[in-house]
Amino acid sequence: MLQTASAVGLLRTILIILLIYYGLKILSRIFAPLLVRYMSKKMQERFGGQFQQQQPNRKEEKEKVGETVIDKMPKTDNASNKTVGEYIDYEEID
């Protein structure tokens, strides 16, 4: 009941392995762009949903062309401190 390996069986096994390899290679060239396109669409939807969660109160106001809109006024605490110290004039000694 013990079978021995033959040259025909070995060649048949190698041929099957090569056919499977090249078949998967051809199928991957066909389906890889479709898979990448599908995955990129899903990632874009996920990131878009996260962006909408972070920015729920976004105003969609239409503004006129050339109109200046100020959302926030800057603080006017730019007054410098005049009592920093006194100026001392000096001379160089050679």
PDB file of N, CA and C in Angstrom:
ATOM      1  N   MET A   1       0.791  -1.188   0.000  1.00  0.00           N
ATOM      2  CA  MET A   1       0.000   0.000   0.000  1.00  0.00           C
ATOM      3  C   MET A   1       0.843   1.267   0.000  1.00  0.00           C
ATOM      4  N   LEU A   2       2.084   1.173   0.119  1.00  0.00           N
ATOM      5  CA  LEU A   2       2.977   2.312   0.103  1.00  0.00           C
ATOM      6  C   LEU A   2       3.280   2.698  -1.340  1.00  0.00           C
ATOM      7  N   GLN A   3       3.027   3.993  -1.672  1.00  0.00           N
ATOM      8  CA  GLN A   3       3.264   4.443  -3.035  1.00  0.00           C
ATOM      9  C   GLN A   3       4.589   5.183  -3.091  1.00  0.00           C
ATOM     10  N   THR A   4       5.275   5.029  -4.177  1.00  0.00           N
ATOM     11  CA  THR A   4       6.536   5.731  -4.357  1.00  0.00           C
ATOM     12  C   THR A   4       6.320   6.930  -5.269  1.00  0.00           C
ATOM     13  N   ALA A   5       7.145   7.926  -5.106  1.00  0.00           N
ATOM     14  CA  ALA A   5       7.045   9.142  -5.908  1.00  0.00           C
ATOM     15  C   ALA A   5       7.559   8.860  -7.309  1.00  0.00           C
ATOM     16  N   SER A   6       6.835   9.375  -8.286  1.00  0.00           N
ATOM     17  CA  SER A   6       7.260   9.188  -9.664  1.00  0.00           C
ATOM     18  C   SER A   6       7.537  10.551 -10.290  1.00  0.00           C
ATOM     19  N   ALA A   7       8.197  10.561 -11.405  1.00  0.00           N
ATOM     20  CA  ALA A   7       8.541  11.801 -12.092  1.00  0.00           C
ATOM     21  C   ALA A   7       7.285  12.484 -12.617  1.00  0.00           C
ATOM     22  N   VAL A   8       6.306  11.724 -13.045  1.00  0.00           N
ATOM     23  CA  VAL A   8       5.064  12.292 -13.576  1.00  0.00           C
ATOM     24  C   VAL A   8       4.298  12.981 -12.448  1.00  0.00           C
ATOM     25  N   GLY A   9       4.242  12.371 -11.301  1.00  0.00           N
ATOM     26  CA  GLY A   9       3.564  12.966 -10.146  1.00  0.00           C
ATOM     27  C   GLY A   9       4.254  14.246  -9.694  1.00  0.00           C
ATOM     28  N   LEU A  10       5.577  14.254  -9.707  1.00  0.00           N
ATOM     29  CA  LEU A  10       6.337  15.447  -9.328  1.00  0.00           C
ATOM     30  C   LEU A  10       6.093  16.588 -10.313  1.00  0.00           C
ATOM     31  N   LEU A  11       6.127  16.298 -11.603  1.00  0.00           N
ATOM     32  CA  LEU A  11       5.870  17.327 -12.615  1.00  0.00           C
ATOM     33  C   LEU A  11       4.439  17.846 -12.522  1.00  0.00           C
ATOM     34  N   ARG A  12       3.498  16.948 -12.254  1.00  0.00           N
ATOM     35  CA  ARG A  12       2.105  17.364 -12.108  1.00  0.00           C
ATOM     36  C   ARG A  12       1.938  18.284 -10.908  1.00  0.00           C
ATOM     37  N   THR A  13       2.586  18.003  -9.809  1.00  0.00           N
ATOM     38  CA  THR A  13       2.513  18.845  -8.610  1.00  0.00           C
ATOM     39  C   THR A  13       3.134  20.214  -8.874  1.00  0.00           C
ATOM     40  N   ILE A  14       4.279  20.243  -9.530  1.00  0.00           N
ATOM     41  CA  ILE A  14       4.937  21.517  -9.848  1.00  0.00           C
ATOM     42  C   ILE A  14       4.057  22.330 -10.794  1.00  0.00           C
ATOM     43  N   LEU A  15       3.425  21.679 -11.787  1.00  0.00           N
ATOM     44  CA  LEU A  15       2.548  22.364 -12.721  1.00  0.00           C
ATOM     45  C   LEU A  15       1.333  22.957 -11.991  1.00  0.00           C
ATOM     46  N   ILE A  16       0.753  22.231 -11.083  1.00  0.00           N
ATOM     47  CA  ILE A  16      -0.391  22.737 -10.311  1.00  0.00           C
ATOM     48  C   ILE A  16       0.020  23.948  -9.472  1.00  0.00           C
ATOM     49  N   ILE A  17       1.171  23.886  -8.829  1.00  0.00           N
ATOM     50  CA  ILE A  17       1.655  25.003  -8.015  1.00  0.00           C
ATOM     51  C   ILE A  17       1.880  26.228  -8.883  1.00  0.00           C
ATOM     52  N   LEU A  18       2.488  26.062 -10.062  1.00  0.00           N
ATOM     53  CA  LEU A  18       2.722  27.188 -10.967  1.00  0.00           C
ATOM     54  C   LEU A  18       1.413  27.778 -11.483  1.00  0.00           C
ATOM     55  N   LEU A  19       0.432  26.929 -11.811  1.00  0.00           N
ATOM     56  CA  LEU A  19      -0.861  27.430 -12.279  1.00  0.00           C
ATOM     57  C   LEU A  19      -1.570  28.230 -11.185  1.00  0.00           C
ATOM     58  N   ILE A  20      -1.520  27.751  -9.969  1.00  0.00           N
ATOM     59  CA  ILE A  20      -2.138  28.481  -8.852  1.00  0.00           C
ATOM     60  C   ILE A  20      -1.427  29.806  -8.636  1.00  0.00           C
ATOM     61  N   TYR A  21      -0.095  29.812  -8.693  1.00  0.00           N
ATOM     62  CA  TYR A  21       0.678  31.039  -8.496  1.00  0.00           C
ATOM     63  C   TYR A  21       0.338  32.078  -9.551  1.00  0.00           C
ATOM     64  N   TYR A  22       0.387  31.682 -10.833  1.00  0.00           N
ATOM     65  CA  TYR A  22       0.104  32.637 -11.902  1.00  0.00           C
ATOM     66  C   TYR A  22      -1.372  33.036 -11.933  1.00  0.00           C
ATOM     67  N   GLY A  23      -2.255  32.133 -11.565  1.00  0.00           N
ATOM     68  CA  GLY A  23      -3.673  32.474 -11.477  1.00  0.00           C
ATOM     69  C   GLY A  23      -3.928  33.532 -10.421  1.00  0.00           C
ATOM     70  N   LEU A  24      -3.314  33.372  -9.241  1.00  0.00           N
ATOM     71  CA  LEU A  24      -3.459  34.384  -8.191  1.00  0.00           C
ATOM     72  C   LEU A  24      -2.814  35.705  -8.594  1.00  0.00           C
ATOM     73  N   LYS A  25      -1.721  35.643  -9.330  1.00  0.00           N
ATOM     74  CA  LYS A  25      -1.052  36.857  -9.782  1.00  0.00           C
ATOM     75  C   LYS A  25      -1.941  37.636 -10.748  1.00  0.00           C
ATOM     76  N   ILE A  26      -2.574  36.949 -11.681  1.00  0.00           N
ATOM     77  CA  ILE A  26      -3.469  37.605 -12.636  1.00  0.00           C
ATOM     78  C   ILE A  26      -4.700  38.152 -11.929  1.00  0.00           C
ATOM     79  N   LEU A  27      -5.291  37.371 -11.032  1.00  0.00           N
ATOM     80  CA  LEU A  27      -6.470  37.832 -10.295  1.00  0.00           C
ATOM     81  C   LEU A  27      -6.144  39.030  -9.410  1.00  0.00           C
ATOM     82  N   SER A  28      -4.944  39.052  -8.835  1.00  0.00           N
ATOM     83  CA  SER A  28      -4.587  40.195  -7.987  1.00  0.00           C
ATOM     84  C   SER A  28      -4.419  41.463  -8.819  1.00  0.00           C
ATOM     85  N   ARG A  29      -3.950  41.340 -10.054  1.00  0.00           N
ATOM     86  CA  ARG A  29      -3.842  42.517 -10.923  1.00  0.00           C
ATOM     87  C   ARG A  29      -5.217  43.050 -11.307  1.00  0.00           C
ATOM     88  N   ILE A  30      -6.192  42.163 -11.389  1.00  0.00           N
ATOM     89  CA  ILE A  30      -7.546  42.589 -11.737  1.00  0.00           C
ATOM     90  C   ILE A  30      -8.259  43.193 -10.535  1.00  0.00           C
ATOM     91  N   PHE A  31      -8.170  42.525  -9.391  1.00  0.00           N
ATOM     92  CA  PHE A  31      -8.979  42.924  -8.235  1.00  0.00           C
ATOM     93  C   PHE A  31      -8.273  43.879  -7.271  1.00  0.00           C
ATOM     94  N   ALA A  32      -6.971  44.034  -7.343  1.00  0.00           N
ATOM     95  CA  ALA A  32      -6.263  44.930  -6.419  1.00  0.00           C
ATOM     96  C   ALA A  32      -6.693  46.385  -6.580  1.00  0.00           C
ATOM     97  N   PRO A  33      -6.817  46.933  -7.803  1.00  0.00           N
ATOM     98  CA  PRO A  33      -7.288  48.328  -7.907  1.00  0.00           C
ATOM     99  C   PRO A  33      -8.696  48.520  -7.359  1.00  0.00           C
ATOM    100  N   LEU A  34      -9.563  47.531  -7.566  1.00  0.00           N
ATOM    101  CA  LEU A  34     -10.915  47.628  -7.030  1.00  0.00           C
ATOM    102  C   LEU A  34     -10.895  47.618  -5.501  1.00  0.00           C
ATOM    103  N   LEU A  35     -10.067  46.773  -4.938  1.00  0.00           N
ATOM    104  CA  LEU A  35      -9.959  46.692  -3.483  1.00  0.00           C
ATOM    105  C   LEU A  35      -9.383  47.974  -2.897  1.00  0.00           C
ATOM    106  N   VAL A  36      -8.366  48.533  -3.542  1.00  0.00           N
ATOM    107  CA  VAL A  36      -7.763  49.779  -3.053  1.00  0.00           C
ATOM    108  C   VAL A  36      -8.761  50.928  -3.154  1.00  0.00           C
ATOM    109  N   ARG A  37      -9.514  50.994  -4.245  1.00  0.00           N
ATOM    110  CA  ARG A  37     -10.519  52.040  -4.413  1.00  0.00           C
ATOM    111  C   ARG A  37     -11.601  51.925  -3.334  1.00  0.00           C
ATOM    112  N   TYR A  38     -12.033  50.705  -3.055  1.00  0.00           N
ATOM    113  CA  TYR A  38     -13.048  50.473  -2.019  1.00  0.00           C
ATOM    114  C   TYR A  38     -12.525  50.891  -0.639  1.00  0.00           C
ATOM    115  N   MET A  39     -11.296  50.500  -0.334  1.00  0.00           N
ATOM    116  CA  MET A  39     -10.717  50.833   0.977  1.00  0.00           C
ATOM    117  C   MET A  39     -10.505  52.339   1.116  1.00  0.00           C
ATOM    118  N   SER A  40     -10.077  53.016   0.056  1.00  0.00           N
ATOM    119  CA  SER A  40      -9.870  54.461   0.146  1.00  0.00           C
ATOM    120  C   SER A  40     -11.201  55.189   0.335  1.00  0.00           C
ATOM    121  N   LYS A  41     -12.263  54.701  -0.288  1.00  0.00           N
ATOM    122  CA  LYS A  41     -13.580  55.319  -0.106  1.00  0.00           C
ATOM    123  C   LYS A  41     -14.043  55.155   1.342  1.00  0.00           C
ATOM    124  N   LYS A  42     -13.837  53.965   1.908  1.00  0.00           N
ATOM    125  CA  LYS A  42     -14.232  53.725   3.299  1.00  0.00           C
ATOM    126  C   LYS A  42     -13.430  54.603   4.263  1.00  0.00           C
ATOM    127  N   MET A  43     -12.125  54.743   4.020  1.00  0.00           N
ATOM    128  CA  MET A  43     -11.303  55.590   4.890  1.00  0.00           C
ATOM    129  C   MET A  43     -11.724  57.050   4.774  1.00  0.00           C
ATOM    130  N   GLN A  44     -12.063  57.495   3.565  1.00  0.00           N
ATOM    131  CA  GLN A  44     -12.503  58.871   3.365  1.00  0.00           C
ATOM    132  C   GLN A  44     -13.818  59.118   4.110  1.00  0.00           C
ATOM    133  N   GLU A  45     -14.727  58.171   4.073  1.00  0.00           N
ATOM    134  CA  GLU A  45     -15.984  58.316   4.808  1.00  0.00           C
ATOM    135  C   GLU A  45     -15.733  58.356   6.309  1.00  0.00           C
ATOM    136  N   ARG A  46     -14.828  57.520   6.803  1.00  0.00           N
ATOM    137  CA  ARG A  46     -14.542  57.481   8.238  1.00  0.00           C
ATOM    138  C   ARG A  46     -13.913  58.790   8.715  1.00  0.00           C
ATOM    139  N   PHE A  47     -12.925  59.294   7.958  1.00  0.00           N
ATOM    140  CA  PHE A  47     -12.290  60.544   8.356  1.00  0.00           C
ATOM    141  C   PHE A  47     -13.244  61.722   8.220  1.00  0.00           C
ATOM    142  N   GLY A  48     -14.099  61.689   7.208  1.00  0.00           N
ATOM    143  CA  GLY A  48     -15.095  62.745   7.058  1.00  0.00           C
ATOM    144  C   GLY A  48     -16.074  62.745   8.221  1.00  0.00           C
ATOM    145  N   GLY A  49     -16.464  61.560   8.684  1.00  0.00           N
ATOM    146  CA  GLY A  49     -17.353  61.466   9.840  1.00  0.00           C
ATOM    147  C   GLY A  49     -16.693  61.977  11.107  1.00  0.00           C
ATOM    148  N   GLN A  50     -15.419  61.688  11.281  1.00  0.00           N
ATOM    149  CA  GLN A  50     -14.704  62.191  12.454  1.00  0.00           C
ATOM    150  C   GLN A  50     -14.585  63.708  12.393  1.00  0.00           C
ATOM    151  N   PHE A  51     -14.377  64.259  11.209  1.00  0.00           N
ATOM    152  CA  PHE A  51     -14.270  65.707  11.068  1.00  0.00           C
ATOM    153  C   PHE A  51     -15.601  66.363  11.392  1.00  0.00           C
ATOM    154  N   GLN A  52     -16.698  65.770  10.961  1.00  0.00           N
ATOM    155  CA  GLN A  52     -18.014  66.334  11.237  1.00  0.00           C
ATOM    156  C   GLN A  52     -18.340  66.264  12.725  1.00  0.00           C
ATOM    157  N   GLN A  53     -17.844  65.241  13.436  1.00  0.00           N
ATOM    158  CA  GLN A  53     -18.068  65.147  14.875  1.00  0.00           C
ATOM    159  C   GLN A  53     -17.297  66.233  15.610  1.00  0.00           C
ATOM    160  N   GLN A  54     -16.129  66.595  15.135  1.00  0.00           N
ATOM    161  CA  GLN A  54     -15.324  67.606  15.792  1.00  0.00           C
ATOM    162  C   GLN A  54     -15.831  69.005  15.490  1.00  0.00           C
ATOM    163  N   GLN A  55     -16.478  69.219  14.375  1.00  0.00           N
ATOM    164  CA  GLN A  55     -16.932  70.538  13.955  1.00  0.00           C
ATOM    165  C   GLN A  55     -18.452  70.538  13.761  1.00  0.00           C
ATOM    166  N   PRO A  56     -19.272  70.257  14.801  1.00  0.00           N
ATOM    167  CA  PRO A  56     -20.720  70.146  14.578  1.00  0.00           C
ATOM    168  C   PRO A  56     -21.403  71.494  14.386  1.00  0.00           C
ATOM    169  N   ASN A  57     -20.904  72.575  14.969  1.00  0.00           N
ATOM    170  CA  ASN A  57     -21.574  73.867  14.921  1.00  0.00           C
ATOM    171  C   ASN A  57     -20.975  74.791  13.878  1.00  0.00           C
ATOM    172  N   ARG A  58     -20.551  74.253  12.802  1.00  0.00           N
ATOM    173  CA  ARG A  58     -19.906  75.061  11.767  1.00  0.00           C
ATOM    174  C   ARG A  58     -20.962  75.855  11.007  1.00  0.00           C
ATOM    175  N   LYS A  59     -20.726  77.140  10.863  1.00  0.00           N
ATOM    176  CA  LYS A  59     -21.661  78.019  10.170  1.00  0.00           C
ATOM    177  C   LYS A  59     -21.433  77.900   8.675  1.00  0.00           C
ATOM    178  N   GLU A  60     -22.513  77.800   7.948  1.00  0.00           N
ATOM    179  CA  GLU A  60     -22.439  77.732   6.492  1.00  0.00           C
ATOM    180  C   GLU A  60     -23.030  79.009   5.903  1.00  0.00           C
ATOM    181  N   GLU A  61     -22.555  80.150   6.370  1.00  0.00           N
ATOM    182  CA  GLU A  61     -23.057  81.427   5.894  1.00  0.00           C
ATOM    183  C   GLU A  61     -22.365  81.793   4.595  1.00  0.00           C
ATOM    184  N   LYS A  62     -23.160  82.358   3.697  1.00  0.00           N
ATOM    185  CA  LYS A  62     -22.580  82.833   2.449  1.00  0.00           C
ATOM    186  C   LYS A  62     -22.237  84.299   2.629  1.00  0.00           C
ATOM    187  N   GLU A  63     -21.017  84.648   2.329  1.00  0.00           N
ATOM    188  CA  GLU A  63     -20.544  86.011   2.495  1.00  0.00           C
ATOM    189  C   GLU A  63     -20.410  86.673   1.134  1.00  0.00           C
ATOM    190  N   LYS A  64     -20.583  87.950   1.127  1.00  0.00           N
ATOM    191  CA  LYS A  64     -20.444  88.691  -0.120  1.00  0.00           C
ATOM    192  C   LYS A  64     -18.971  88.778  -0.501  1.00  0.00           C
ATOM    193  N   VAL A  65     -18.717  88.858  -1.770  1.00  0.00           N
ATOM    194  CA  VAL A  65     -17.348  88.955  -2.262  1.00  0.00           C
ATOM    195  C   VAL A  65     -16.788  90.305  -1.859  1.00  0.00           C
ATOM    196  N   GLY A  66     -15.621  90.310  -1.255  1.00  0.00           N
ATOM    197  CA  GLY A  66     -14.964  91.546  -0.844  1.00  0.00           C
ATOM    198  C   GLY A  66     -15.341  91.993   0.552  1.00  0.00           C
ATOM    199  N   GLU A  67     -16.260  91.311   1.208  1.00  0.00           N
ATOM    200  CA  GLU A  67     -16.675  91.693   2.557  1.00  0.00           C
ATOM    201  C   GLU A  67     -15.660  91.165   3.566  1.00  0.00           C
ATOM    202  N   THR A  68     -15.304  91.984   4.523  1.00  0.00           N
ATOM    203  CA  THR A  68     -14.361  91.588   5.556  1.00  0.00           C
ATOM    204  C   THR A  68     -15.132  91.147   6.786  1.00  0.00           C
ATOM    205  N   VAL A  69     -14.811  89.956   7.260  1.00  0.00           N
ATOM    206  CA  VAL A  69     -15.487  89.408   8.430  1.00  0.00           C
ATOM    207  C   VAL A  69     -14.442  89.163   9.500  1.00  0.00           C
ATOM    208  N   ILE A  70     -14.689  89.694  10.710  1.00  0.00           N
ATOM    209  CA  ILE A  70     -13.789  89.484  11.833  1.00  0.00           C
ATOM    210  C   ILE A  70     -14.518  88.604  12.827  1.00  0.00           C
ATOM    211  N   ASP A  71     -13.986  87.403  13.044  1.00  0.00           N
ATOM    212  CA  ASP A  71     -14.613  86.476  13.970  1.00  0.00           C
ATOM    213  C   ASP A  71     -14.255  86.784  15.417  1.00  0.00           C
ATOM    214  N   LYS A  72     -13.029  87.200  15.665  1.00  0.00           N
ATOM    215  CA  LYS A  72     -12.564  87.417  17.028  1.00  0.00           C
ATOM    216  C   LYS A  72     -11.679  88.650  17.049  1.00  0.00           C
ATOM    217  N   MET A  73     -11.953  89.531  17.978  1.00  0.00           N
ATOM    218  CA  MET A  73     -11.134  90.727  18.116  1.00  0.00           C
ATOM    219  C   MET A  73      -9.897  90.381  18.948  1.00  0.00           C
ATOM    220  N   PRO A  74      -8.722  90.823  18.525  1.00  0.00           N
ATOM    221  CA  PRO A  74      -7.517  90.543  19.309  1.00  0.00           C
ATOM    222  C   PRO A  74      -7.505  91.372  20.593  1.00  0.00           C
ATOM    223  N   LYS A  75      -6.814  90.855  21.591  1.00  0.00           N
ATOM    224  CA  LYS A  75      -6.673  91.584  22.850  1.00  0.00           C
ATOM    225  C   LYS A  75      -5.778  92.795  22.645  1.00  0.00           C
ATOM    226  N   THR A  76      -6.067  93.861  23.359  1.00  0.00           N
ATOM    227  CA  THR A  76      -5.274  95.086  23.225  1.00  0.00           C
ATOM    228  C   THR A  76      -4.412  95.311  24.459  1.00  0.00           C
ATOM    229  N   ASP A  77      -3.822  94.252  24.994  1.00  0.00           N
ATOM    230  CA  ASP A  77      -2.949  94.359  26.158  1.00  0.00           C
ATOM    231  C   ASP A  77      -1.492  94.481  25.724  1.00  0.00           C
ATOM    232  N   ASN A  78      -1.231  95.190  24.670  1.00  0.00           N
ATOM    233  CA  ASN A  78       0.122  95.318  24.140  1.00  0.00           C
ATOM    234  C   ASN A  78       0.866  96.512  24.723  1.00  0.00           C
ATOM    235  N   ALA A  79       0.367  97.117  25.795  1.00  0.00           N
ATOM    236  CA  ALA A  79       1.044  98.262  26.412  1.00  0.00           C
ATOM    237  C   ALA A  79       2.346  97.783  27.046  1.00  0.00           C
ATOM    238  N   SER A  80       3.444  98.407  26.666  1.00  0.00           N
ATOM    239  CA  SER A  80       4.729  97.984  27.211  1.00  0.00           C
ATOM    240  C   SER A  80       4.923  98.558  28.612  1.00  0.00           C
ATOM    241  N   ASN A  81       5.741  97.904  29.368  1.00  0.00           N
ATOM    242  CA  ASN A  81       6.026  98.325  30.734  1.00  0.00           C
ATOM    243  C   ASN A  81       7.126  99.389  30.685  1.00  0.00           C
ATOM    244  N   LYS A  82       6.810 100.607  31.031  1.00  0.00           N
ATOM    245  CA  LYS A  82       7.773 101.706  30.947  1.00  0.00           C
ATOM    246  C   LYS A  82       8.745 101.730  32.122  1.00  0.00           C
ATOM    247  N   THR A  83       8.478 101.001  33.173  1.00  0.00           N
ATOM    248  CA  THR A  83       9.356 101.016  34.349  1.00  0.00           C
ATOM    249  C   THR A  83      10.264  99.795  34.362  1.00  0.00           C
ATOM    250  N   VAL A  84      10.840  99.493  33.218  1.00  0.00           N
ATOM    251  CA  VAL A  84      11.714  98.338  33.131  1.00  0.00           C
ATOM    252  C   VAL A  84      13.030  98.621  33.841  1.00  0.00           C
ATOM    253  N   GLY A  85      13.538  99.796  33.700  1.00  0.00           N
ATOM    254  CA  GLY A  85      14.817 100.154  34.313  1.00  0.00           C
ATOM    255  C   GLY A  85      15.272 101.481  33.732  1.00  0.00           C
ATOM    256  N   GLU A  86      16.430 101.940  34.172  1.00  0.00           N
ATOM    257  CA  GLU A  86      16.906 103.211  33.641  1.00  0.00           C
ATOM    258  C   GLU A  86      18.042 102.962  32.663  1.00  0.00           C
ATOM    259  N   TYR A  87      18.199 103.868  31.730  1.00  0.00           N
ATOM    260  CA  TYR A  87      19.223 103.758  30.707  1.00  0.00           C
ATOM    261  C   TYR A  87      20.516 104.352  31.257  1.00  0.00           C
ATOM    262  N   ILE A  88      21.597 103.596  31.122  1.00  0.00           N
ATOM    263  CA  ILE A  88      22.893 104.080  31.588  1.00  0.00           C
ATOM    264  C   ILE A  88      23.804 104.235  30.388  1.00  0.00           C
ATOM    265  N   ASP A  89      24.317 105.453  30.205  1.00  0.00           N
ATOM    266  CA  ASP A  89      25.223 105.728  29.117  1.00  0.00           C
ATOM    267  C   ASP A  89      26.632 105.357  29.569  1.00  0.00           C
ATOM    268  N   TYR A  90      27.390 104.735  28.726  1.00  0.00           N
ATOM    269  CA  TYR A  90      28.737 104.321  29.114  1.00  0.00           C
ATOM    270  C   TYR A  90      29.716 104.692  28.014  1.00  0.00           C
ATOM    271  N   GLU A  91      31.005 104.738  28.404  1.00  0.00           N
ATOM    272  CA  GLU A  91      32.082 105.003  27.472  1.00  0.00           C
ATOM    273  C   GLU A  91      33.043 103.839  27.507  1.00  0.00           C
ATOM    274  N   GLU A  92      33.652 103.547  26.348  1.00  0.00           N
ATOM    275  CA  GLU A  92      34.644 102.490  26.300  1.00  0.00           C
ATOM    276  C   GLU A  92      35.979 103.043  26.738  1.00  0.00           C
ATOM    277  N   ILE A  93      36.708 102.295  27.539  1.00  0.00           N
ATOM    278  CA  ILE A  93      38.028 102.673  27.992  1.00  0.00           C
ATOM    279  C   ILE A  93      39.038 101.780  27.292  1.00  0.00           C
ATOM    280  N   ASP A  94      40.001 102.425  26.625  1.00  0.00           N
ATOM    281  CA  ASP A  94      41.031 101.656  25.903  1.00  0.00           C
ATOM    282  C   ASP A  94      42.112 101.193  26.816  1.00  0.00           C
TER     283      ASP A  94
END
